[in-house]
Amino acid sequence: MFVLFKKRDFSSYISDTFSFLKLFGKHFFKNYFIINGGFLLILSVLLYFMIKVYFEVLFSASGAPQGSYFQQYFDDNLGLFIGSISIFGILIIVLSLLNVAYPIVYLELVSQKNNNDFTTADIISLLKQNIGKLLKFFLGSIFVVLPILAIVFGIVLALCLILIGFPLLFIVAPACISWLHLSLYTYLTEETGFIQALQEGYYLLKQKFWANVGATFVIYMLIQVVQSFLTMIPYFIGIAAFLTSSTAPGWNTETGSSMSIFISLFFIFAILLSYFFNNLVILNQGIIYYSLREENENLTTISEIDLIGLDNE
């Protein structure tokens, strides 16, 4: 049994994230791919054709005057180009919102049932209930949070000119990531408004600042290392296969076609890995969120007292 409402420190923020995956990982990712699989497939297909067409045009234009071939191609296919970009942008937003909301909803169901004894339909039902809040948080983040982050990172980058900003980046970046996720957890799981959720997320971040920032930084860096390693494997395999199978020097139509396919598949693999591993960051933030709620509300202690009362009866 995994206890969400539990007081934790820096090390248990990290260890309990992996303990959760050990216990519930199979159920978690099974439902993740059931719910998000269709969107991921459509995204992959669309991205494949967009990148493939771009590189085929690039290699076809290699002998044409600079810029003329590109200009003519996009003028002839302007409607298709705009439509593809629009669909791709909308799909990215939808998939990103689902990807962020899924772990939050999953943990909320775990907190309600104290186990993972729930179905895909239960997760989808709770996701549907939070669609409005997700859209509000997304729009609010653009008009409220983004300007704040722009100012903060602008100051930090300016300080990089005198070297002070470089170490600050390793603190400010994970702090902002944690603040946003704790705010979203608050907004989706509690009866709060958008601004109130941002304030509550800020107070939760401050409550155990160094433990929160440290755990976020460690998890994020771990993901980056693993993701980079996994991404480089097909990259080097593809480059080696290309160099060893090339029969003619320089670029030609066949070479361009092969490279466009390889680059398309490489980018798709990298993006899918990014979505997949992002779950680990959000789950870690969930562990932090429920731990801080336990410290503030003592929900486990209250529940145990209630159980003792029922036993006495």
C-alpha atoms as a PDB file:
ATOM      1  CA  MET A   1       0.000   0.000   0.000  1.00  0.00           C
ATOM      2  CA  PHE A   2       1.288   3.457  -0.888  1.00  0.00           C
ATOM      3  CA  VAL A   3       0.497   6.377   1.443  1.00  0.00           C
ATOM      4  CA  LEU A   4       0.176   9.715  -0.365  1.00  0.00           C
ATOM      5  CA  PHE A   5      -0.600  11.836   2.685  1.00  0.00           C
ATOM      6  CA  LYS A   6       2.693  11.398   4.502  1.00  0.00           C
ATOM      7  CA  LYS A   7       5.300  13.791   5.882  1.00  0.00           C
ATOM      8  CA  ARG A   8       8.479  13.580   3.836  1.00  0.00           C
ATOM      9  CA  ASP A   9      11.905  15.138   3.486  1.00  0.00           C
ATOM     10  CA  PHE A  10      14.196  15.725   0.497  1.00  0.00           C
ATOM     11  CA  SER A  11      15.319  12.105   0.100  1.00  0.00           C
ATOM     12  CA  SER A  12      11.835  10.626   0.486  1.00  0.00           C
ATOM     13  CA  TYR A  13      10.467  13.063  -2.111  1.00  0.00           C
ATOM     14  CA  ILE A  14      12.702  11.262  -4.599  1.00  0.00           C
ATOM     15  CA  SER A  15      12.585   7.696  -3.250  1.00  0.00           C
ATOM     16  CA  ASP A  16       8.788   7.701  -2.858  1.00  0.00           C
ATOM     17  CA  THR A  17       8.401   8.834  -6.467  1.00  0.00           C
ATOM     18  CA  PHE A  18      10.130   5.654  -7.611  1.00  0.00           C
ATOM     19  CA  SER A  19       8.322   3.580  -4.977  1.00  0.00           C
ATOM     20  CA  PHE A  20       5.038   4.819  -6.429  1.00  0.00           C
ATOM     21  CA  LEU A  21       6.126   3.799  -9.927  1.00  0.00           C
ATOM     22  CA  LYS A  22       7.238   0.409  -8.639  1.00  0.00           C
ATOM     23  CA  LEU A  23       3.800  -0.254  -7.145  1.00  0.00           C
ATOM     24  CA  PHE A  24       1.526   1.460  -9.661  1.00  0.00           C
ATOM     25  CA  GLY A  25       3.719   1.964 -12.749  1.00  0.00           C
ATOM     26  CA  LYS A  26       2.142  -0.799 -14.857  1.00  0.00           C
ATOM     27  CA  HIS A  27      -1.400   0.409 -14.160  1.00  0.00           C
ATOM     28  CA  PHE A  28      -0.382   4.065 -14.527  1.00  0.00           C
ATOM     29  CA  PHE A  29       1.279   3.776 -17.943  1.00  0.00           C
ATOM     30  CA  LYS A  30      -1.254   1.278 -19.274  1.00  0.00           C
ATOM     31  CA  ASN A  31      -4.023   3.824 -18.761  1.00  0.00           C
ATOM     32  CA  TYR A  32      -1.768   6.654 -19.912  1.00  0.00           C
ATOM     33  CA  PHE A  33      -1.329   5.067 -23.341  1.00  0.00           C
ATOM     34  CA  ILE A  34      -5.000   4.100 -23.562  1.00  0.00           C
ATOM     35  CA  ILE A  35      -6.038   7.720 -22.981  1.00  0.00           C
ATOM     36  CA  ASN A  36      -3.202   9.529 -24.777  1.00  0.00           C
ATOM     37  CA  GLY A  37      -2.246   6.885 -27.345  1.00  0.00           C
ATOM     38  CA  GLY A  38      -4.549   8.158 -30.086  1.00  0.00           C
ATOM     39  CA  PHE A  39      -3.300  11.734 -29.748  1.00  0.00           C
ATOM     40  CA  LEU A  40       0.310  10.552 -29.691  1.00  0.00           C
ATOM     41  CA  LEU A  41      -0.250   8.511 -32.847  1.00  0.00           C
ATOM     42  CA  ILE A  42      -1.866  11.413 -34.721  1.00  0.00           C
ATOM     43  CA  LEU A  43       0.923  13.734 -33.549  1.00  0.00           C
ATOM     44  CA  SER A  44       3.577  11.265 -34.711  1.00  0.00           C
ATOM     45  CA  VAL A  45       2.023  10.820 -38.161  1.00  0.00           C
ATOM     46  CA  LEU A  46       1.560  14.559 -38.674  1.00  0.00           C
ATOM     47  CA  LEU A  47       5.076  15.331 -37.463  1.00  0.00           C
ATOM     48  CA  TYR A  48       6.532  12.622 -39.696  1.00  0.00           C
ATOM     49  CA  PHE A  49       4.992  14.017 -42.849  1.00  0.00           C
ATOM     50  CA  MET A  50       5.778  17.631 -41.955  1.00  0.00           C
ATOM     51  CA  ILE A  51       9.471  16.948 -41.349  1.00  0.00           C
ATOM     52  CA  LYS A  52       9.752  14.554 -44.291  1.00  0.00           C
ATOM     53  CA  VAL A  53       8.208  17.050 -46.718  1.00  0.00           C
ATOM     54  CA  TYR A  54      10.398  19.871 -45.391  1.00  0.00           C
ATOM     55  CA  PHE A  55      13.631  17.926 -45.914  1.00  0.00           C
ATOM     56  CA  GLU A  56      12.565  16.608 -49.302  1.00  0.00           C
ATOM     57  CA  VAL A  57      11.954  20.202 -50.385  1.00  0.00           C
ATOM     58  CA  LEU A  58      15.299  21.182 -48.859  1.00  0.00           C
ATOM     59  CA  PHE A  59      17.232  18.535 -50.783  1.00  0.00           C
ATOM     60  CA  SER A  60      15.268  19.179 -53.975  1.00  0.00           C
ATOM     61  CA  ALA A  61      16.158  22.858 -53.728  1.00  0.00           C
ATOM     62  CA  SER A  62      19.885  22.198 -53.366  1.00  0.00           C
ATOM     63  CA  GLY A  63      20.548  23.055 -57.023  1.00  0.00           C
ATOM     64  CA  ALA A  64      18.080  25.948 -57.295  1.00  0.00           C
ATOM     65  CA  PRO A  65      18.810  29.634 -56.684  1.00  0.00           C
ATOM     66  CA  GLN A  66      18.818  30.421 -52.963  1.00  0.00           C
ATOM     67  CA  GLY A  67      15.321  30.886 -51.577  1.00  0.00           C
ATOM     68  CA  SER A  68      13.496  30.681 -54.949  1.00  0.00           C
ATOM     69  CA  TYR A  69      12.485  27.022 -54.687  1.00  0.00           C
ATOM     70  CA  PHE A  70      11.290  27.407 -51.096  1.00  0.00           C
ATOM     71  CA  GLN A  71       9.305  30.506 -51.981  1.00  0.00           C
ATOM     72  CA  GLN A  72       7.601  28.829 -54.919  1.00  0.00           C
ATOM     73  CA  TYR A  73       6.844  25.654 -52.960  1.00  0.00           C
ATOM     74  CA  PHE A  74       5.225  27.455 -50.026  1.00  0.00           C
ATOM     75  CA  ASP A  75       3.336  29.828 -52.332  1.00  0.00           C
ATOM     76  CA  ASP A  76       1.858  26.817 -54.158  1.00  0.00           C
ATOM     77  CA  ASN A  77       0.989  24.995 -50.921  1.00  0.00           C
ATOM     78  CA  LEU A  78       0.198  27.880 -48.590  1.00  0.00           C
ATOM     79  CA  GLY A  79      -3.226  26.547 -47.530  1.00  0.00           C
ATOM     80  CA  LEU A  80      -1.854  23.087 -46.777  1.00  0.00           C
ATOM     81  CA  PHE A  81       1.077  24.576 -44.873  1.00  0.00           C
ATOM     82  CA  ILE A  82      -1.104  26.847 -42.698  1.00  0.00           C
ATOM     83  CA  GLY A  83      -3.617  24.044 -42.094  1.00  0.00           C
ATOM     84  CA  SER A  84      -0.919  21.587 -41.061  1.00  0.00           C
ATOM     85  CA  ILE A  85       0.697  24.078 -38.687  1.00  0.00           C
ATOM     86  CA  SER A  86      -2.690  24.942 -37.157  1.00  0.00           C
ATOM     87  CA  ILE A  87      -3.658  21.311 -36.599  1.00  0.00           C
ATOM     88  CA  PHE A  88      -0.199  20.567 -35.239  1.00  0.00           C
ATOM     89  CA  GLY A  89      -0.378  23.509 -32.818  1.00  0.00           C
ATOM     90  CA  ILE A  90      -3.843  22.565 -31.546  1.00  0.00           C
ATOM     91  CA  LEU A  91      -2.790  18.951 -31.134  1.00  0.00           C
ATOM     92  CA  ILE A  92       0.319  19.957 -29.190  1.00  0.00           C
ATOM     93  CA  ILE A  93      -1.793  22.061 -26.806  1.00  0.00           C
ATOM     94  CA  VAL A  94      -4.394  19.305 -26.286  1.00  0.00           C
ATOM     95  CA  LEU A  95      -1.774  16.614 -25.774  1.00  0.00           C
ATOM     96  CA  SER A  96       0.280  18.788 -23.431  1.00  0.00           C
ATOM     97  CA  LEU A  97      -2.772  19.590 -21.289  1.00  0.00           C
ATOM     98  CA  LEU A  98      -3.740  15.906 -21.142  1.00  0.00           C
ATOM     99  CA  ASN A  99      -0.182  14.912 -20.380  1.00  0.00           C
ATOM    100  CA  VAL A 100       0.003  17.353 -17.457  1.00  0.00           C
ATOM    101  CA  ALA A 101      -3.483  16.606 -16.110  1.00  0.00           C
ATOM    102  CA  TYR A 102      -3.284  12.820 -16.293  1.00  0.00           C
ATOM    103  CA  PRO A 103      -0.836  12.249 -13.376  1.00  0.00           C
ATOM    104  CA  ILE A 104      -2.705  14.821 -11.259  1.00  0.00           C
ATOM    105  CA  VAL A 105      -6.043  13.093 -11.820  1.00  0.00           C
ATOM    106  CA  TYR A 106      -4.468   9.676 -11.283  1.00  0.00           C
ATOM    107  CA  LEU A 107      -2.993  10.707  -7.924  1.00  0.00           C
ATOM    108  CA  GLU A 108      -6.290  12.270  -6.887  1.00  0.00           C
ATOM    109  CA  LEU A 109      -8.042   8.932  -7.475  1.00  0.00           C
ATOM    110  CA  VAL A 110      -5.305   7.146  -5.531  1.00  0.00           C
ATOM    111  CA  SER A 111      -5.801   9.597  -2.652  1.00  0.00           C
ATOM    112  CA  GLN A 112      -9.564   8.971  -2.684  1.00  0.00           C
ATOM    113  CA  LYS A 113      -9.401   5.166  -2.831  1.00  0.00           C
ATOM    114  CA  ASN A 114      -6.019   4.578  -1.085  1.00  0.00           C
ATOM    115  CA  ASN A 115      -5.095   2.220  -3.949  1.00  0.00           C
ATOM    116  CA  ASN A 116      -5.252   1.956  -7.738  1.00  0.00           C
ATOM    117  CA  ASP A 117      -8.565   0.081  -7.784  1.00  0.00           C
ATOM    118  CA  PHE A 118     -10.117   2.274 -10.470  1.00  0.00           C
ATOM    119  CA  THR A 119     -10.651   2.008 -14.202  1.00  0.00           C
ATOM    120  CA  THR A 120      -9.769   3.962 -17.307  1.00  0.00           C
ATOM    121  CA  ALA A 121     -13.363   5.213 -17.370  1.00  0.00           C
ATOM    122  CA  ASP A 122     -12.894   6.690 -13.878  1.00  0.00           C
ATOM    123  CA  ILE A 123      -9.786   8.569 -15.025  1.00  0.00           C
ATOM    124  CA  ILE A 124     -11.484   9.847 -18.195  1.00  0.00           C
ATOM    125  CA  SER A 125     -14.525  10.950 -16.188  1.00  0.00           C
ATOM    126  CA  LEU A 126     -12.369  12.985 -13.798  1.00  0.00           C
ATOM    127  CA  LEU A 127     -10.373  14.427 -16.707  1.00  0.00           C
ATOM    128  CA  LYS A 128     -13.608  15.582 -18.352  1.00  0.00           C
ATOM    129  CA  GLN A 129     -14.674  17.279 -15.127  1.00  0.00           C
ATOM    130  CA  ASN A 130     -11.414  19.266 -15.155  1.00  0.00           C
ATOM    131  CA  ILE A 131     -11.383  20.319 -18.822  1.00  0.00           C
ATOM    132  CA  GLY A 132     -12.714  23.785 -18.012  1.00  0.00           C
ATOM    133  CA  LYS A 133     -10.175  24.304 -15.240  1.00  0.00           C
ATOM    134  CA  LEU A 134      -7.346  23.104 -17.485  1.00  0.00           C
ATOM    135  CA  LEU A 135      -8.255  25.621 -20.178  1.00  0.00           C
ATOM    136  CA  LYS A 136      -8.556  28.415 -17.599  1.00  0.00           C
ATOM    137  CA  PHE A 137      -5.163  27.537 -16.131  1.00  0.00           C
ATOM    138  CA  PHE A 138      -3.629  27.426 -19.617  1.00  0.00           C
ATOM    139  CA  LEU A 139      -5.003  30.845 -20.573  1.00  0.00           C
ATOM    140  CA  GLY A 140      -4.189  32.282 -17.149  1.00  0.00           C
ATOM    141  CA  SER A 141      -0.632  31.002 -17.461  1.00  0.00           C
ATOM    142  CA  ILE A 142      -0.216  32.807 -20.776  1.00  0.00           C
ATOM    143  CA  PHE A 143      -1.512  36.174 -19.555  1.00  0.00           C
ATOM    144  CA  VAL A 144      -0.441  36.092 -15.882  1.00  0.00           C
ATOM    145  CA  VAL A 145       2.319  33.554 -15.262  1.00  0.00           C
ATOM    146  CA  LEU A 146       4.282  33.987 -18.502  1.00  0.00           C
ATOM    147  CA  PRO A 147       4.927  37.731 -17.980  1.00  0.00           C
ATOM    148  CA  ILE A 148       6.057  37.029 -14.397  1.00  0.00           C
ATOM    149  CA  LEU A 149       8.437  34.290 -15.552  1.00  0.00           C
ATOM    150  CA  ALA A 150       9.727  36.533 -18.361  1.00  0.00           C
ATOM    151  CA  ILE A 151      10.626  39.226 -15.823  1.00  0.00           C
ATOM    152  CA  VAL A 152      12.232  36.738 -13.410  1.00  0.00           C
ATOM    153  CA  PHE A 153      14.338  35.005 -16.042  1.00  0.00           C
ATOM    154  CA  GLY A 154      15.176  38.330 -17.665  1.00  0.00           C
ATOM    155  CA  ILE A 155      16.693  39.477 -14.365  1.00  0.00           C
ATOM    156  CA  VAL A 156      18.542  36.174 -13.888  1.00  0.00           C
ATOM    157  CA  LEU A 157      19.933  36.256 -17.440  1.00  0.00           C
ATOM    158  CA  ALA A 158      21.035  39.842 -16.919  1.00  0.00           C
ATOM    159  CA  LEU A 159      22.859  38.739 -13.772  1.00  0.00           C
ATOM    160  CA  CYS A 160      24.616  36.085 -15.848  1.00  0.00           C
ATOM    161  CA  LEU A 161      26.634  38.928 -17.348  1.00  0.00           C
ATOM    162  CA  ILE A 162      28.326  39.316 -13.973  1.00  0.00           C
ATOM    163  CA  LEU A 163      28.353  35.510 -13.370  1.00  0.00           C
ATOM    164  CA  ILE A 164      25.966  35.664 -10.394  1.00  0.00           C
ATOM    165  CA  GLY A 165      23.064  34.525 -12.584  1.00  0.00           C
ATOM    166  CA  PHE A 166      24.547  31.132 -13.528  1.00  0.00           C
ATOM    167  CA  PRO A 167      24.170  29.500 -10.089  1.00  0.00           C
ATOM    168  CA  LEU A 168      20.823  31.286  -9.688  1.00  0.00           C
ATOM    169  CA  LEU A 169      19.518  29.515 -12.802  1.00  0.00           C
ATOM    170  CA  PHE A 170      19.891  26.156 -11.042  1.00  0.00           C
ATOM    171  CA  ILE A 171      17.652  27.467  -8.257  1.00  0.00           C
ATOM    172  CA  VAL A 172      15.171  29.673 -10.110  1.00  0.00           C
ATOM    173  CA  ALA A 173      14.364  27.197 -12.912  1.00  0.00           C
ATOM    174  CA  PRO A 174      13.344  24.237 -10.670  1.00  0.00           C
ATOM    175  CA  ALA A 175      11.623  26.669  -8.277  1.00  0.00           C
ATOM    176  CA  CYS A 176       9.428  27.984 -11.121  1.00  0.00           C
ATOM    177  CA  ILE A 177       8.710  24.442 -12.330  1.00  0.00           C
ATOM    178  CA  SER A 178       7.682  23.398  -8.824  1.00  0.00           C
ATOM    179  CA  TRP A 179       5.581  26.527  -8.266  1.00  0.00           C
ATOM    180  CA  LEU A 180       3.596  25.963 -11.465  1.00  0.00           C
ATOM    181  CA  HIS A 181       2.965  22.291 -10.747  1.00  0.00           C
ATOM    182  CA  LEU A 182       2.024  22.834  -7.099  1.00  0.00           C
ATOM    183  CA  SER A 183      -0.356  25.595  -8.229  1.00  0.00           C
ATOM    184  CA  LEU A 184      -1.956  23.301 -10.814  1.00  0.00           C
ATOM    185  CA  TYR A 185      -2.325  20.491  -8.268  1.00  0.00           C
ATOM    186  CA  THR A 186      -4.029  22.963  -5.944  1.00  0.00           C
ATOM    187  CA  TYR A 187      -6.278  24.304  -8.698  1.00  0.00           C
ATOM    188  CA  LEU A 188      -7.449  20.885  -9.933  1.00  0.00           C
ATOM    189  CA  THR A 189      -7.850  19.112  -6.598  1.00  0.00           C
ATOM    190  CA  GLU A 190      -9.149  21.884  -4.353  1.00  0.00           C
ATOM    191  CA  GLU A 191     -11.972  24.409  -4.587  1.00  0.00           C
ATOM    192  CA  THR A 192      -9.860  27.462  -5.367  1.00  0.00           C
ATOM    193  CA  GLY A 193      -9.701  30.182  -7.988  1.00  0.00           C
ATOM    194  CA  PHE A 194      -6.788  30.623 -10.383  1.00  0.00           C
ATOM    195  CA  ILE A 195      -5.050  33.455  -8.528  1.00  0.00           C
ATOM    196  CA  GLN A 196      -5.637  31.756  -5.181  1.00  0.00           C
ATOM    197  CA  ALA A 197      -4.099  28.553  -6.557  1.00  0.00           C
ATOM    198  CA  LEU A 198      -0.995  30.468  -7.652  1.00  0.00           C
ATOM    199  CA  GLN A 199      -0.711  31.981  -4.181  1.00  0.00           C
ATOM    200  CA  GLU A 200      -1.173  28.613  -2.515  1.00  0.00           C
ATOM    201  CA  GLY A 201       1.413  27.049  -4.824  1.00  0.00           C
ATOM    202  CA  TYR A 202       3.842  29.803  -3.850  1.00  0.00           C
ATOM    203  CA  TYR A 203       3.259  29.209  -0.127  1.00  0.00           C
ATOM    204  CA  LEU A 204       3.699  25.443  -0.574  1.00  0.00           C
ATOM    205  CA  LEU A 205       6.955  26.049  -2.445  1.00  0.00           C
ATOM    206  CA  LYS A 206       8.255  28.302   0.347  1.00  0.00           C
ATOM    207  CA  GLN A 207       7.206  25.877   3.075  1.00  0.00           C
ATOM    208  CA  LYS A 208      10.145  23.525   2.432  1.00  0.00           C
ATOM    209  CA  PHE A 209      11.888  25.529  -0.257  1.00  0.00           C
ATOM    210  CA  TRP A 210      15.270  23.812  -0.456  1.00  0.00           C
ATOM    211  CA  ALA A 211      13.828  20.301  -0.243  1.00  0.00           C
ATOM    212  CA  ASN A 212      11.241  21.110  -2.934  1.00  0.00           C
ATOM    213  CA  VAL A 213      13.710  22.778  -5.279  1.00  0.00           C
ATOM    214  CA  GLY A 214      16.383  20.138  -4.652  1.00  0.00           C
ATOM    215  CA  ALA A 215      14.059  17.220  -5.378  1.00  0.00           C
ATOM    216  CA  THR A 216      12.702  18.923  -8.498  1.00  0.00           C
ATOM    217  CA  PHE A 217      16.224  19.625  -9.739  1.00  0.00           C
ATOM    218  CA  VAL A 218      17.419  16.049  -9.136  1.00  0.00           C
ATOM    219  CA  ILE A 219      14.411  14.456 -10.835  1.00  0.00           C
ATOM    220  CA  TYR A 220      14.594  16.834 -13.785  1.00  0.00           C
ATOM    221  CA  MET A 221      18.333  16.312 -14.307  1.00  0.00           C
ATOM    222  CA  LEU A 222      17.948  12.540 -13.978  1.00  0.00           C
ATOM    223  CA  ILE A 223      15.280  12.594 -16.671  1.00  0.00           C
ATOM    224  CA  GLN A 224      17.427  14.751 -18.948  1.00  0.00           C
ATOM    225  CA  VAL A 225      20.387  12.377 -18.629  1.00  0.00           C
ATOM    226  CA  VAL A 226      18.325   9.245 -19.299  1.00  0.00           C
ATOM    227  CA  GLN A 227      16.378  10.881 -22.100  1.00  0.00           C
ATOM    228  CA  SER A 228      19.548  12.184 -23.779  1.00  0.00           C
ATOM    229  CA  PHE A 229      21.159   8.745 -23.532  1.00  0.00           C
ATOM    230  CA  LEU A 230      18.138   6.979 -25.046  1.00  0.00           C
ATOM    231  CA  THR A 231      17.849   9.600 -27.773  1.00  0.00           C
ATOM    232  CA  MET A 232      21.498   9.310 -28.758  1.00  0.00           C
ATOM    233  CA  ILE A 233      21.273   5.541 -29.318  1.00  0.00           C
ATOM    234  CA  PRO A 234      19.096   5.708 -32.479  1.00  0.00           C
ATOM    235  CA  TYR A 235      20.929   8.875 -33.522  1.00  0.00           C
ATOM    236  CA  PHE A 236      24.351   7.205 -33.626  1.00  0.00           C
ATOM    237  CA  ILE A 237      22.897   4.018 -35.126  1.00  0.00           C
ATOM    238  CA  GLY A 238      21.272   6.051 -37.899  1.00  0.00           C
ATOM    239  CA  ILE A 239      24.412   8.069 -38.607  1.00  0.00           C
ATOM    240  CA  ALA A 240      26.540   4.916 -38.697  1.00  0.00           C
ATOM    241  CA  ALA A 241      24.079   3.197 -41.048  1.00  0.00           C
ATOM    242  CA  PHE A 242      24.008   6.233 -43.319  1.00  0.00           C
ATOM    243  CA  LEU A 243      27.810   6.522 -43.504  1.00  0.00           C
ATOM    244  CA  THR A 244      28.364   2.822 -44.161  1.00  0.00           C
ATOM    245  CA  SER A 245      25.590   2.401 -46.729  1.00  0.00           C
ATOM    246  CA  SER A 246      26.294   5.526 -48.802  1.00  0.00           C
ATOM    247  CA  THR A 247      27.483   4.490 -52.260  1.00  0.00           C
ATOM    248  CA  ALA A 248      27.880   7.905 -53.817  1.00  0.00           C
ATOM    249  CA  PRO A 249      29.623  10.983 -52.502  1.00  0.00           C
ATOM    250  CA  GLY A 250      27.642  14.102 -51.730  1.00  0.00           C
ATOM    251  CA  TRP A 251      23.900  14.584 -51.578  1.00  0.00           C
ATOM    252  CA  ASN A 252      21.399  13.169 -54.067  1.00  0.00           C
ATOM    253  CA  THR A 253      17.668  12.515 -54.179  1.00  0.00           C
ATOM    254  CA  GLU A 254      17.921   9.045 -52.654  1.00  0.00           C
ATOM    255  CA  THR A 255      20.189  10.295 -49.877  1.00  0.00           C
ATOM    256  CA  GLY A 256      17.864  13.189 -49.126  1.00  0.00           C
ATOM    257  CA  SER A 257      14.850  10.876 -48.938  1.00  0.00           C
ATOM    258  CA  SER A 258      16.611   8.485 -46.564  1.00  0.00           C
ATOM    259  CA  MET A 259      17.830  11.325 -44.359  1.00  0.00           C
ATOM    260  CA  SER A 260      14.369  12.901 -44.215  1.00  0.00           C
ATOM    261  CA  ILE A 261      12.859   9.605 -43.017  1.00  0.00           C
ATOM    262  CA  PHE A 262      15.568   9.110 -40.415  1.00  0.00           C
ATOM    263  CA  ILE A 263      15.341  12.684 -39.080  1.00  0.00           C
ATOM    264  CA  SER A 264      11.540  12.449 -38.940  1.00  0.00           C
ATOM    265  CA  LEU A 265      11.651   9.233 -36.917  1.00  0.00           C
ATOM    266  CA  PHE A 266      14.381  10.633 -34.683  1.00  0.00           C
ATOM    267  CA  PHE A 267      12.384  13.757 -33.809  1.00  0.00           C
ATOM    268  CA  ILE A 268       9.229  11.711 -33.212  1.00  0.00           C
ATOM    269  CA  PHE A 269      11.116   9.380 -30.869  1.00  0.00           C
ATOM    270  CA  ALA A 270      12.601  12.333 -28.959  1.00  0.00           C
ATOM    271  CA  ILE A 271       9.210  14.051 -28.554  1.00  0.00           C
ATOM    272  CA  LEU A 272       7.459  10.856 -27.414  1.00  0.00           C
ATOM    273  CA  LEU A 273      10.220  10.284 -24.865  1.00  0.00           C
ATOM    274  CA  SER A 274       9.757  13.832 -23.610  1.00  0.00           C
ATOM    275  CA  TYR A 275       6.023  13.314 -23.064  1.00  0.00           C
ATOM    276  CA  PHE A 276       6.639   9.949 -21.433  1.00  0.00           C
ATOM    277  CA  PHE A 277       9.284  11.140 -18.969  1.00  0.00           C
ATOM    278  CA  ASN A 278       7.380  14.310 -18.143  1.00  0.00           C
ATOM    279  CA  ASN A 279       5.058  12.075 -16.136  1.00  0.00           C
ATOM    280  CA  LEU A 280       7.889  11.460 -13.691  1.00  0.00           C
ATOM    281  CA  VAL A 281       8.303  15.193 -13.013  1.00  0.00           C
ATOM    282  CA  ILE A 282       4.583  15.673 -12.403  1.00  0.00           C
ATOM    283  CA  LEU A 283       4.350  12.576 -10.203  1.00  0.00           C
ATOM    284  CA  ASN A 284       7.262  13.865  -8.145  1.00  0.00           C
ATOM    285  CA  GLN A 285       5.480  17.195  -7.736  1.00  0.00           C
ATOM    286  CA  GLY A 286       2.401  15.267  -6.650  1.00  0.00           C
ATOM    287  CA  ILE A 287       4.395  13.479  -3.964  1.00  0.00           C
ATOM    288  CA  ILE A 288       5.616  16.882  -2.757  1.00  0.00           C
ATOM    289  CA  TYR A 289       2.098  18.371  -2.903  1.00  0.00           C
ATOM    290  CA  TYR A 290       0.414  15.623  -0.856  1.00  0.00           C
ATOM    291  CA  SER A 291       3.291  15.586   1.621  1.00  0.00           C
ATOM    292  CA  LEU A 292       2.963  19.330   2.220  1.00  0.00           C
ATOM    293  CA  ARG A 293      -0.808  19.004   2.570  1.00  0.00           C
ATOM    294  CA  GLU A 294      -0.280  16.347   5.236  1.00  0.00           C
ATOM    295  CA  GLU A 295       2.068  18.654   7.130  1.00  0.00           C
ATOM    296  CA  ASN A 296      -0.497  21.452   7.000  1.00  0.00           C
ATOM    297  CA  GLU A 297      -3.719  19.508   7.522  1.00  0.00           C
ATOM    298  CA  ASN A 298      -2.697  16.286   9.353  1.00  0.00           C
ATOM    299  CA  LEU A 299      -5.221  14.343   7.282  1.00  0.00           C
ATOM    300  CA  THR A 300      -3.714  10.932   8.059  1.00  0.00           C
ATOM    301  CA  THR A 301      -3.733  11.593  11.789  1.00  0.00           C
ATOM    302  CA  ILE A 302      -7.366  12.753  11.680  1.00  0.00           C
ATOM    303  CA  SER A 303      -8.326   9.671   9.651  1.00  0.00           C
ATOM    304  CA  GLU A 304      -6.626   7.353  12.157  1.00  0.00           C
ATOM    305  CA  ILE A 305      -8.459   9.035  15.059  1.00  0.00           C
ATOM    306  CA  ASP A 306     -11.762   8.559  13.227  1.00  0.00           C
ATOM    307  CA  LEU A 307     -10.984   4.883  12.699  1.00  0.00           C
ATOM    308  CA  ILE A 308     -10.222   4.443  16.407  1.00  0.00           C
ATOM    309  CA  GLY A 309     -13.604   5.972  17.211  1.00  0.00           C
ATOM    310  CA  LEU A 310     -15.317   3.546  14.873  1.00  0.00           C
ATOM    311  CA  ASP A 311     -13.465   0.595  16.376  1.00  0.00           C
ATOM    312  CA  ASN A 312     -14.629   1.583  19.877  1.00  0.00           C
ATOM    313  CA  GLU A 313     -18.203   1.603  18.711  1.00  0.00           C
END
